[in-house]
Amino acid sequence: MLRSLSPTLAALSLVAGMASLAPILHLTPPAAAQSANGTPAAPALSVEQARAAATRILETIKRGDANARFAQFAPERQAITSPSMIAATMRSQPKLLSYELLSVRSGLNSSTVEAEIRTAAGDRVVFMVLNPQGKITRYYIDRTDDDTSKVARQFVEAVSTGNFITANSFLSPDFQKEIPPEALQRKWLGLQRITGNFVRVGRAVESGESTPDTRLVLVNVEFNRLTDNLFVILNGSNQITGVDFPEEPAQPQPVR
């Protein structure tokens, strides 16, 4: 059984009735999008425009141009990253060798481009969500065949190193809409006000309470005041559908 969630953490978890580990968040269709001044938002890109924008993005990644990559994020995403952070992330990832655009789907105010990328470490399918200006608002990667515990640990590592856009890519598409990267940032910084500064990520262990459709992984995290577990819930496609930051972290232990 997981711990109950405080009101401040409830927005970051889809967990209730943990015996079944069933997500309880049901997202309702958004109202017609509006800009900050209340006027209707710009329409989504055409299929041709979305393909061109996705091609520019993938070519930028292939070149390893961190400055251009930064410019391709929407302003709200640029606010929580920097060219230097993007450069560090690029250096840690396998080099993009080639890619193929598979599909483009347009909604009212955004477009989703599916692409298969071929890297030095193998092939991946990535989905990029683009705003009407062709900037990335979010993206996610098909990790269905990966080890579940490894996926959960990589997510926590991304959060702990401040790579909140990368961390957000581990979330399911619906959960991404509910918890954007800046919300992950707020929750992580808020947690460290209780636990002290982050030190390192330890073991990630899948719980025996997992089911084929819902997996629960406990990721051990060490802070300078104490050590505790983060609970990460994933669906059958290894997309994260819930995260439980400790409400009442374990208290610091006496020195032995």
C-alpha atoms as a PDB file:
ATOM      1  CA  MET A   1       0.000   0.000   0.000  1.00  0.00           C
ATOM      2  CA  LEU A   2       1.242   3.468  -0.832  1.00  0.00           C
ATOM      3  CA  ARG A   3       1.063   6.395   1.518  1.00  0.00           C
ATOM      4  CA  SER A   4      -1.839   8.799   1.219  1.00  0.00           C
ATOM      5  CA  LEU A   5      -1.155  11.975  -0.708  1.00  0.00           C
ATOM      6  CA  SER A   6      -1.257  15.485   0.682  1.00  0.00           C
ATOM      7  CA  PRO A   7      -3.337  18.070  -1.236  1.00  0.00           C
ATOM      8  CA  THR A   8      -0.164  19.645  -2.617  1.00  0.00           C
ATOM      9  CA  LEU A   9       0.963  16.321  -4.062  1.00  0.00           C
ATOM     10  CA  ALA A  10      -2.413  15.068  -5.238  1.00  0.00           C
ATOM     11  CA  ALA A  11      -1.989  16.755  -8.608  1.00  0.00           C
ATOM     12  CA  LEU A  12       1.157  14.728  -9.223  1.00  0.00           C
ATOM     13  CA  SER A  13      -0.373  11.320  -8.653  1.00  0.00           C
ATOM     14  CA  LEU A  14      -2.964   9.161 -10.304  1.00  0.00           C
ATOM     15  CA  VAL A  15      -3.002   6.850  -7.324  1.00  0.00           C
ATOM     16  CA  ALA A  16      -5.981   5.941  -5.203  1.00  0.00           C
ATOM     17  CA  GLY A  17      -7.148   2.559  -4.017  1.00  0.00           C
ATOM     18  CA  MET A  18      -3.584   1.345  -4.288  1.00  0.00           C
ATOM     19  CA  ALA A  19      -4.496  -2.263  -3.789  1.00  0.00           C
ATOM     20  CA  SER A  20      -5.572  -2.226  -7.430  1.00  0.00           C
ATOM     21  CA  LEU A  21      -3.109   0.485  -8.506  1.00  0.00           C
ATOM     22  CA  ALA A  22      -5.809   1.913 -10.799  1.00  0.00           C
ATOM     23  CA  PRO A  23      -5.339   5.440 -12.144  1.00  0.00           C
ATOM     24  CA  ILE A  24      -8.255   7.705 -11.244  1.00  0.00           C
ATOM     25  CA  LEU A  25      -7.539  10.796 -13.328  1.00  0.00           C
ATOM     26  CA  HIS A  26      -9.972  11.199 -16.217  1.00  0.00           C
ATOM     27  CA  LEU A  27      -9.129  14.151 -18.409  1.00  0.00           C
ATOM     28  CA  THR A  28     -12.055  15.964 -19.981  1.00  0.00           C
ATOM     29  CA  PRO A  29     -11.746  17.498 -23.435  1.00  0.00           C
ATOM     30  CA  PRO A  30     -10.335  21.030 -23.164  1.00  0.00           C
ATOM     31  CA  ALA A  31     -12.441  24.013 -24.017  1.00  0.00           C
ATOM     32  CA  ALA A  32     -11.630  25.922 -27.169  1.00  0.00           C
ATOM     33  CA  ALA A  33      -8.098  27.204 -26.719  1.00  0.00           C
ATOM     34  CA  GLN A  34      -7.545  30.907 -26.244  1.00  0.00           C
ATOM     35  CA  SER A  35      -4.486  33.086 -26.116  1.00  0.00           C
ATOM     36  CA  ALA A  36      -3.439  35.009 -23.018  1.00  0.00           C
ATOM     37  CA  ASN A  37      -5.550  38.030 -24.010  1.00  0.00           C
ATOM     38  CA  GLY A  38      -8.672  35.902 -24.477  1.00  0.00           C
ATOM     39  CA  THR A  39      -8.658  35.827 -28.290  1.00  0.00           C
ATOM     40  CA  PRO A  40      -8.864  32.485 -30.114  1.00  0.00           C
ATOM     41  CA  ALA A  41      -5.505  30.726 -30.375  1.00  0.00           C
ATOM     42  CA  ALA A  42      -3.832  30.271 -33.749  1.00  0.00           C
ATOM     43  CA  PRO A  43      -4.847  27.179 -35.726  1.00  0.00           C
ATOM     44  CA  ALA A  44      -2.591  24.156 -35.949  1.00  0.00           C
ATOM     45  CA  LEU A  45      -0.009  23.762 -38.674  1.00  0.00           C
ATOM     46  CA  SER A  46      -1.029  22.147 -41.924  1.00  0.00           C
ATOM     47  CA  VAL A  47       0.289  18.646 -42.587  1.00  0.00           C
ATOM     48  CA  GLU A  48       2.964  20.052 -44.883  1.00  0.00           C
ATOM     49  CA  GLN A  49       4.010  22.707 -42.364  1.00  0.00           C
ATOM     50  CA  ALA A  50       4.178  20.149 -39.538  1.00  0.00           C
ATOM     51  CA  ARG A  51       6.323  17.832 -41.648  1.00  0.00           C
ATOM     52  CA  ALA A  52       8.679  20.690 -42.486  1.00  0.00           C
ATOM     53  CA  ALA A  53       8.942  21.744 -38.822  1.00  0.00           C
ATOM     54  CA  ALA A  54       9.607  18.165 -37.685  1.00  0.00           C
ATOM     55  CA  THR A  55      12.278  17.770 -40.354  1.00  0.00           C
ATOM     56  CA  ARG A  56      14.026  20.943 -39.153  1.00  0.00           C
ATOM     57  CA  ILE A  57      13.932  19.657 -35.566  1.00  0.00           C
ATOM     58  CA  LEU A  58      15.350  16.240 -36.446  1.00  0.00           C
ATOM     59  CA  GLU A  59      18.051  17.751 -38.656  1.00  0.00           C
ATOM     60  CA  THR A  60      19.049  19.995 -35.734  1.00  0.00           C
ATOM     61  CA  ILE A  61      19.363  16.979 -33.443  1.00  0.00           C
ATOM     62  CA  LYS A  62      21.352  15.135 -36.106  1.00  0.00           C
ATOM     63  CA  ARG A  63      23.797  18.067 -36.338  1.00  0.00           C
ATOM     64  CA  GLY A  64      24.038  18.311 -32.546  1.00  0.00           C
ATOM     65  CA  ASP A  65      23.260  22.049 -32.593  1.00  0.00           C
ATOM     66  CA  ALA A  66      22.160  22.856 -29.035  1.00  0.00           C
ATOM     67  CA  ASN A  67      21.489  26.541 -29.724  1.00  0.00           C
ATOM     68  CA  ALA A  68      19.155  25.756 -32.609  1.00  0.00           C
ATOM     69  CA  ARG A  69      17.554  22.991 -30.555  1.00  0.00           C
ATOM     70  CA  PHE A  70      16.824  25.457 -27.746  1.00  0.00           C
ATOM     71  CA  ALA A  71      15.202  27.843 -30.238  1.00  0.00           C
ATOM     72  CA  GLN A  72      12.888  25.053 -31.404  1.00  0.00           C
ATOM     73  CA  PHE A  73      11.182  24.708 -28.011  1.00  0.00           C
ATOM     74  CA  ALA A  74       8.061  26.709 -27.187  1.00  0.00           C
ATOM     75  CA  PRO A  75       8.705  29.703 -24.867  1.00  0.00           C
ATOM     76  CA  GLU A  76       7.188  27.968 -21.822  1.00  0.00           C
ATOM     77  CA  ARG A  77       9.675  25.113 -22.290  1.00  0.00           C
ATOM     78  CA  GLN A  78      12.618  27.453 -22.874  1.00  0.00           C
ATOM     79  CA  ALA A  79      11.912  28.939 -19.445  1.00  0.00           C
ATOM     80  CA  ILE A  80      13.050  25.745 -17.708  1.00  0.00           C
ATOM     81  CA  THR A  81      16.049  24.808 -19.833  1.00  0.00           C
ATOM     82  CA  SER A  82      19.033  26.416 -21.578  1.00  0.00           C
ATOM     83  CA  PRO A  83      21.342  25.750 -24.538  1.00  0.00           C
ATOM     84  CA  SER A  84      24.020  24.453 -22.153  1.00  0.00           C
ATOM     85  CA  MET A  85      21.609  21.978 -20.554  1.00  0.00           C
ATOM     86  CA  ILE A  86      20.478  20.820 -23.976  1.00  0.00           C
ATOM     87  CA  ALA A  87      24.109  20.420 -25.083  1.00  0.00           C
ATOM     88  CA  ALA A  88      24.826  18.237 -22.040  1.00  0.00           C
ATOM     89  CA  THR A  89      21.768  16.102 -22.780  1.00  0.00           C
ATOM     90  CA  MET A  90      22.793  15.699 -26.412  1.00  0.00           C
ATOM     91  CA  ARG A  91      26.254  14.532 -25.372  1.00  0.00           C
ATOM     92  CA  SER A  92      24.737  11.879 -23.113  1.00  0.00           C
ATOM     93  CA  GLN A  93      22.426  10.455 -25.779  1.00  0.00           C
ATOM     94  CA  PRO A  94      23.275   8.155 -28.701  1.00  0.00           C
ATOM     95  CA  LYS A  95      23.917  10.025 -31.942  1.00  0.00           C
ATOM     96  CA  LEU A  96      21.005  10.338 -34.342  1.00  0.00           C
ATOM     97  CA  LEU A  97      22.016   8.684 -37.618  1.00  0.00           C
ATOM     98  CA  SER A  98      18.857   8.946 -39.712  1.00  0.00           C
ATOM     99  CA  TYR A  99      15.105   9.268 -39.402  1.00  0.00           C
ATOM    100  CA  GLU A 100      11.812   8.729 -41.225  1.00  0.00           C
ATOM    101  CA  LEU A 101       8.601  10.659 -40.693  1.00  0.00           C
ATOM    102  CA  LEU A 102       5.771   8.169 -40.251  1.00  0.00           C
ATOM    103  CA  SER A 103       2.614  10.220 -39.716  1.00  0.00           C
ATOM    104  CA  VAL A 104       1.257  13.689 -38.980  1.00  0.00           C
ATOM    105  CA  ARG A 105      -1.953  14.311 -37.052  1.00  0.00           C
ATOM    106  CA  SER A 106      -3.373  17.797 -36.573  1.00  0.00           C
ATOM    107  CA  GLY A 107      -5.818  18.910 -33.914  1.00  0.00           C
ATOM    108  CA  LEU A 108      -7.342  22.331 -33.348  1.00  0.00           C
ATOM    109  CA  ASN A 109      -4.216  24.020 -32.015  1.00  0.00           C
ATOM    110  CA  SER A 110      -1.384  21.483 -32.198  1.00  0.00           C
ATOM    111  CA  SER A 111       0.092  18.856 -34.478  1.00  0.00           C
ATOM    112  CA  THR A 112       1.619  15.503 -33.548  1.00  0.00           C
ATOM    113  CA  VAL A 113       4.373  14.106 -35.744  1.00  0.00           C
ATOM    114  CA  GLU A 114       5.438  10.471 -35.417  1.00  0.00           C
ATOM    115  CA  ALA A 115       8.946   9.618 -36.547  1.00  0.00           C
ATOM    116  CA  GLU A 116      11.224   6.605 -36.424  1.00  0.00           C
ATOM    117  CA  ILE A 117      14.746   7.593 -35.481  1.00  0.00           C
ATOM    118  CA  ARG A 118      17.809   5.431 -35.948  1.00  0.00           C
ATOM    119  CA  THR A 119      20.578   5.971 -33.452  1.00  0.00           C
ATOM    120  CA  ALA A 120      23.892   4.399 -32.577  1.00  0.00           C
ATOM    121  CA  ALA A 121      22.036   2.495 -29.828  1.00  0.00           C
ATOM    122  CA  GLY A 122      19.162   1.265 -32.004  1.00  0.00           C
ATOM    123  CA  ASP A 123      15.833   2.447 -33.357  1.00  0.00           C
ATOM    124  CA  ARG A 124      13.158   4.441 -31.540  1.00  0.00           C
ATOM    125  CA  VAL A 125       9.745   5.888 -32.354  1.00  0.00           C
ATOM    126  CA  VAL A 126       9.280   9.448 -31.140  1.00  0.00           C
ATOM    127  CA  PHE A 127       6.147  11.610 -31.106  1.00  0.00           C
ATOM    128  CA  MET A 128       6.561  15.402 -31.210  1.00  0.00           C
ATOM    129  CA  VAL A 129       3.707  17.769 -30.357  1.00  0.00           C
ATOM    130  CA  LEU A 130       4.112  21.107 -32.145  1.00  0.00           C
ATOM    131  CA  ASN A 131       2.350  24.406 -31.530  1.00  0.00           C
ATOM    132  CA  PRO A 132       1.044  26.644 -34.382  1.00  0.00           C
ATOM    133  CA  GLN A 133       4.516  28.208 -34.664  1.00  0.00           C
ATOM    134  CA  GLY A 134       6.157  24.818 -35.223  1.00  0.00           C
ATOM    135  CA  LYS A 135       7.791  24.805 -31.768  1.00  0.00           C
ATOM    136  CA  ILE A 136       7.932  21.743 -29.515  1.00  0.00           C
ATOM    137  CA  THR A 137       5.501  21.849 -26.607  1.00  0.00           C
ATOM    138  CA  ARG A 138       6.115  18.242 -25.556  1.00  0.00           C
ATOM    139  CA  TYR A 139       7.310  14.919 -26.893  1.00  0.00           C
ATOM    140  CA  TYR A 140       7.312  11.292 -25.879  1.00  0.00           C
ATOM    141  CA  ILE A 141       9.199   8.171 -26.919  1.00  0.00           C
ATOM    142  CA  ASP A 142       8.000   4.604 -27.373  1.00  0.00           C
ATOM    143  CA  ARG A 143       9.685   2.666 -24.538  1.00  0.00           C
ATOM    144  CA  THR A 144       7.339  -0.347 -24.582  1.00  0.00           C
ATOM    145  CA  ASP A 145      10.104  -2.925 -24.926  1.00  0.00           C
ATOM    146  CA  ASP A 146      12.423  -1.430 -22.302  1.00  0.00           C
ATOM    147  CA  ASP A 147      12.904  -2.777 -18.787  1.00  0.00           C
ATOM    148  CA  THR A 148      10.243  -1.155 -16.588  1.00  0.00           C
ATOM    149  CA  SER A 149      12.534  -0.515 -13.626  1.00  0.00           C
ATOM    150  CA  LYS A 150      15.120   1.059 -15.928  1.00  0.00           C
ATOM    151  CA  VAL A 151      12.505   3.407 -17.410  1.00  0.00           C
ATOM    152  CA  ALA A 152      11.398   4.531 -13.938  1.00  0.00           C
ATOM    153  CA  ARG A 153      14.994   5.075 -12.837  1.00  0.00           C
ATOM    154  CA  GLN A 154      15.831   7.076 -15.972  1.00  0.00           C
ATOM    155  CA  PHE A 155      12.802   9.274 -15.313  1.00  0.00           C
ATOM    156  CA  VAL A 156      13.945  10.021 -11.758  1.00  0.00           C
ATOM    157  CA  GLU A 157      17.505  10.659 -12.984  1.00  0.00           C
ATOM    158  CA  ALA A 158      16.169  13.199 -15.497  1.00  0.00           C
ATOM    159  CA  VAL A 159      14.139  14.951 -12.796  1.00  0.00           C
ATOM    160  CA  SER A 160      17.029  14.943 -10.320  1.00  0.00           C
ATOM    161  CA  THR A 161      19.425  16.530 -12.820  1.00  0.00           C
ATOM    162  CA  GLY A 162      16.987  19.296 -13.725  1.00  0.00           C
ATOM    163  CA  ASN A 163      16.166  17.925 -17.181  1.00  0.00           C
ATOM    164  CA  PHE A 164      12.438  18.404 -16.728  1.00  0.00           C
ATOM    165  CA  ILE A 165      11.596  18.455 -20.437  1.00  0.00           C
ATOM    166  CA  THR A 166      13.326  15.088 -20.858  1.00  0.00           C
ATOM    167  CA  ALA A 167      11.609  13.793 -17.710  1.00  0.00           C
ATOM    168  CA  ASN A 168       8.242  14.879 -19.080  1.00  0.00           C
ATOM    169  CA  SER A 169       8.842  12.736 -22.176  1.00  0.00           C
ATOM    170  CA  PHE A 170       8.516   9.636 -19.959  1.00  0.00           C
ATOM    171  CA  LEU A 171       4.912  10.494 -19.058  1.00  0.00           C
ATOM    172  CA  SER A 172       1.887   9.204 -20.924  1.00  0.00           C
ATOM    173  CA  PRO A 173       0.385  11.738 -23.360  1.00  0.00           C
ATOM    174  CA  ASP A 174      -2.608  12.425 -21.087  1.00  0.00           C
ATOM    175  CA  PHE A 175      -0.423  12.783 -17.986  1.00  0.00           C
ATOM    176  CA  GLN A 176       1.852  15.177 -19.883  1.00  0.00           C
ATOM    177  CA  LYS A 177      -1.137  17.467 -20.403  1.00  0.00           C
ATOM    178  CA  GLU A 178      -1.902  17.359 -16.677  1.00  0.00           C
ATOM    179  CA  ILE A 179       1.689  17.670 -15.433  1.00  0.00           C
ATOM    180  CA  PRO A 180       3.868  19.875 -17.684  1.00  0.00           C
ATOM    181  CA  PRO A 181       7.641  20.140 -17.135  1.00  0.00           C
ATOM    182  CA  GLU A 182       7.333  23.275 -15.001  1.00  0.00           C
ATOM    183  CA  ALA A 183       4.993  21.397 -12.618  1.00  0.00           C
ATOM    184  CA  LEU A 184       7.584  18.620 -12.266  1.00  0.00           C
ATOM    185  CA  GLN A 185      10.154  21.286 -11.473  1.00  0.00           C
ATOM    186  CA  ARG A 186       7.976  22.826  -8.748  1.00  0.00           C
ATOM    187  CA  LYS A 187       7.269  19.450  -7.146  1.00  0.00           C
ATOM    188  CA  TRP A 188      10.915  18.405  -7.165  1.00  0.00           C
ATOM    189  CA  LEU A 189      12.135  21.676  -5.660  1.00  0.00           C
ATOM    190  CA  GLY A 190       9.343  21.532  -3.092  1.00  0.00           C
ATOM    191  CA  LEU A 191      10.336  18.000  -2.089  1.00  0.00           C
ATOM    192  CA  GLN A 192      13.936  19.072  -1.456  1.00  0.00           C
ATOM    193  CA  ARG A 193      12.744  21.704   0.987  1.00  0.00           C
ATOM    194  CA  ILE A 194      11.707  18.746   3.140  1.00  0.00           C
ATOM    195  CA  THR A 195      14.413  16.206   2.338  1.00  0.00           C
ATOM    196  CA  GLY A 196      17.428  18.411   1.761  1.00  0.00           C
ATOM    197  CA  ASN A 197      19.408  18.549  -1.466  1.00  0.00           C
ATOM    198  CA  PHE A 198      19.470  15.619  -3.859  1.00  0.00           C
ATOM    199  CA  VAL A 199      22.545  13.355  -3.617  1.00  0.00           C
ATOM    200  CA  ARG A 200      22.011  10.336  -5.870  1.00  0.00           C
ATOM    201  CA  VAL A 201      19.504   7.847  -7.317  1.00  0.00           C
ATOM    202  CA  GLY A 202      19.763   4.340  -5.921  1.00  0.00           C
ATOM    203  CA  ARG A 203      18.047   1.091  -6.899  1.00  0.00           C
ATOM    204  CA  ALA A 204      14.763   0.865  -8.785  1.00  0.00           C
ATOM    205  CA  VAL A 205      12.673  -2.186  -7.912  1.00  0.00           C
ATOM    206  CA  GLU A 206       9.363  -3.248  -9.427  1.00  0.00           C
ATOM    207  CA  SER A 207       6.754  -4.006  -6.765  1.00  0.00           C
ATOM    208  CA  GLY A 208       5.007  -7.343  -6.455  1.00  0.00           C
ATOM    209  CA  GLU A 209       1.724  -5.410  -6.574  1.00  0.00           C
ATOM    210  CA  SER A 210       2.246  -4.716 -10.277  1.00  0.00           C
ATOM    211  CA  THR A 211      -0.177  -6.074 -12.873  1.00  0.00           C
ATOM    212  CA  PRO A 212       0.272  -6.559 -16.647  1.00  0.00           C
ATOM    213  CA  ASP A 213      -1.452  -3.224 -17.276  1.00  0.00           C
ATOM    214  CA  THR A 214      -0.106  -1.215 -14.334  1.00  0.00           C
ATOM    215  CA  ARG A 215       3.424  -1.460 -12.974  1.00  0.00           C
ATOM    216  CA  LEU A 216       4.624   0.053  -9.720  1.00  0.00           C
ATOM    217  CA  VAL A 217       8.332   0.801  -9.330  1.00  0.00           C
ATOM    218  CA  LEU A 218      10.002   2.019  -6.134  1.00  0.00           C
ATOM    219  CA  VAL A 219      13.015   4.220  -6.889  1.00  0.00           C
ATOM    220  CA  ASN A 220      15.316   4.804  -3.948  1.00  0.00           C
ATOM    221  CA  VAL A 221      16.629   8.366  -3.771  1.00  0.00           C
ATOM    222  CA  GLU A 222      19.252   9.717  -1.373  1.00  0.00           C
ATOM    223  CA  PHE A 223      19.092  13.321  -0.185  1.00  0.00           C
ATOM    224  CA  ASN A 224      21.522  14.987   2.204  1.00  0.00           C
ATOM    225  CA  ARG A 225      19.042  14.765   5.126  1.00  0.00           C
ATOM    226  CA  LEU A 226      17.478  11.373   4.458  1.00  0.00           C
ATOM    227  CA  THR A 227      16.806   8.583   1.989  1.00  0.00           C
ATOM    228  CA  ASP A 228      13.353   7.620   0.754  1.00  0.00           C
ATOM    229  CA  ASN A 229      11.493   5.993  -2.139  1.00  0.00           C
ATOM    230  CA  LEU A 230       9.674   7.658  -4.992  1.00  0.00           C
ATOM    231  CA  PHE A 231       6.755   5.622  -6.316  1.00  0.00           C
ATOM    232  CA  VAL A 232       6.462   5.568 -10.111  1.00  0.00           C
ATOM    233  CA  ILE A 233       3.416   4.044 -11.808  1.00  0.00           C
ATOM    234  CA  LEU A 234       3.625   2.936 -15.447  1.00  0.00           C
ATOM    235  CA  ASN A 235       1.100   1.499 -17.870  1.00  0.00           C
ATOM    236  CA  GLY A 236       1.563  -1.535 -20.120  1.00  0.00           C
ATOM    237  CA  SER A 237       3.470   0.586 -22.641  1.00  0.00           C
ATOM    238  CA  ASN A 238       5.972   1.771 -19.993  1.00  0.00           C
ATOM    239  CA  GLN A 239       4.505   5.275 -20.028  1.00  0.00           C
ATOM    240  CA  ILE A 240       4.411   6.903 -16.601  1.00  0.00           C
ATOM    241  CA  THR A 241       0.856   7.581 -15.427  1.00  0.00           C
ATOM    242  CA  GLY A 242       1.555   8.577 -11.834  1.00  0.00           C
ATOM    243  CA  VAL A 243       4.319   9.737  -9.508  1.00  0.00           C
ATOM    244  CA  ASP A 244       4.088   9.835  -5.721  1.00  0.00           C
ATOM    245  CA  PHE A 245       6.615  12.091  -4.046  1.00  0.00           C
ATOM    246  CA  PRO A 246       6.762  11.218  -0.336  1.00  0.00           C
ATOM    247  CA  GLU A 247       4.227  13.080   1.779  1.00  0.00           C
ATOM    248  CA  GLU A 248       6.031  12.206   5.002  1.00  0.00           C
ATOM    249  CA  PRO A 249       9.608  11.242   4.117  1.00  0.00           C
ATOM    250  CA  ALA A 250      11.460   8.904   6.423  1.00  0.00           C
ATOM    251  CA  GLN A 251      13.149  10.787   9.234  1.00  0.00           C
ATOM    252  CA  PRO A 252      16.957  11.120   9.358  1.00  0.00           C
ATOM    253  CA  GLN A 253      18.604   8.157  11.093  1.00  0.00           C
ATOM    254  CA  PRO A 254      21.092   8.451  13.980  1.00  0.00           C
ATOM    255  CA  VAL A 255      24.765   7.962  13.180  1.00  0.00           C
ATOM    256  CA  ARG A 256      26.000   4.479  14.059  1.00  0.00           C
END
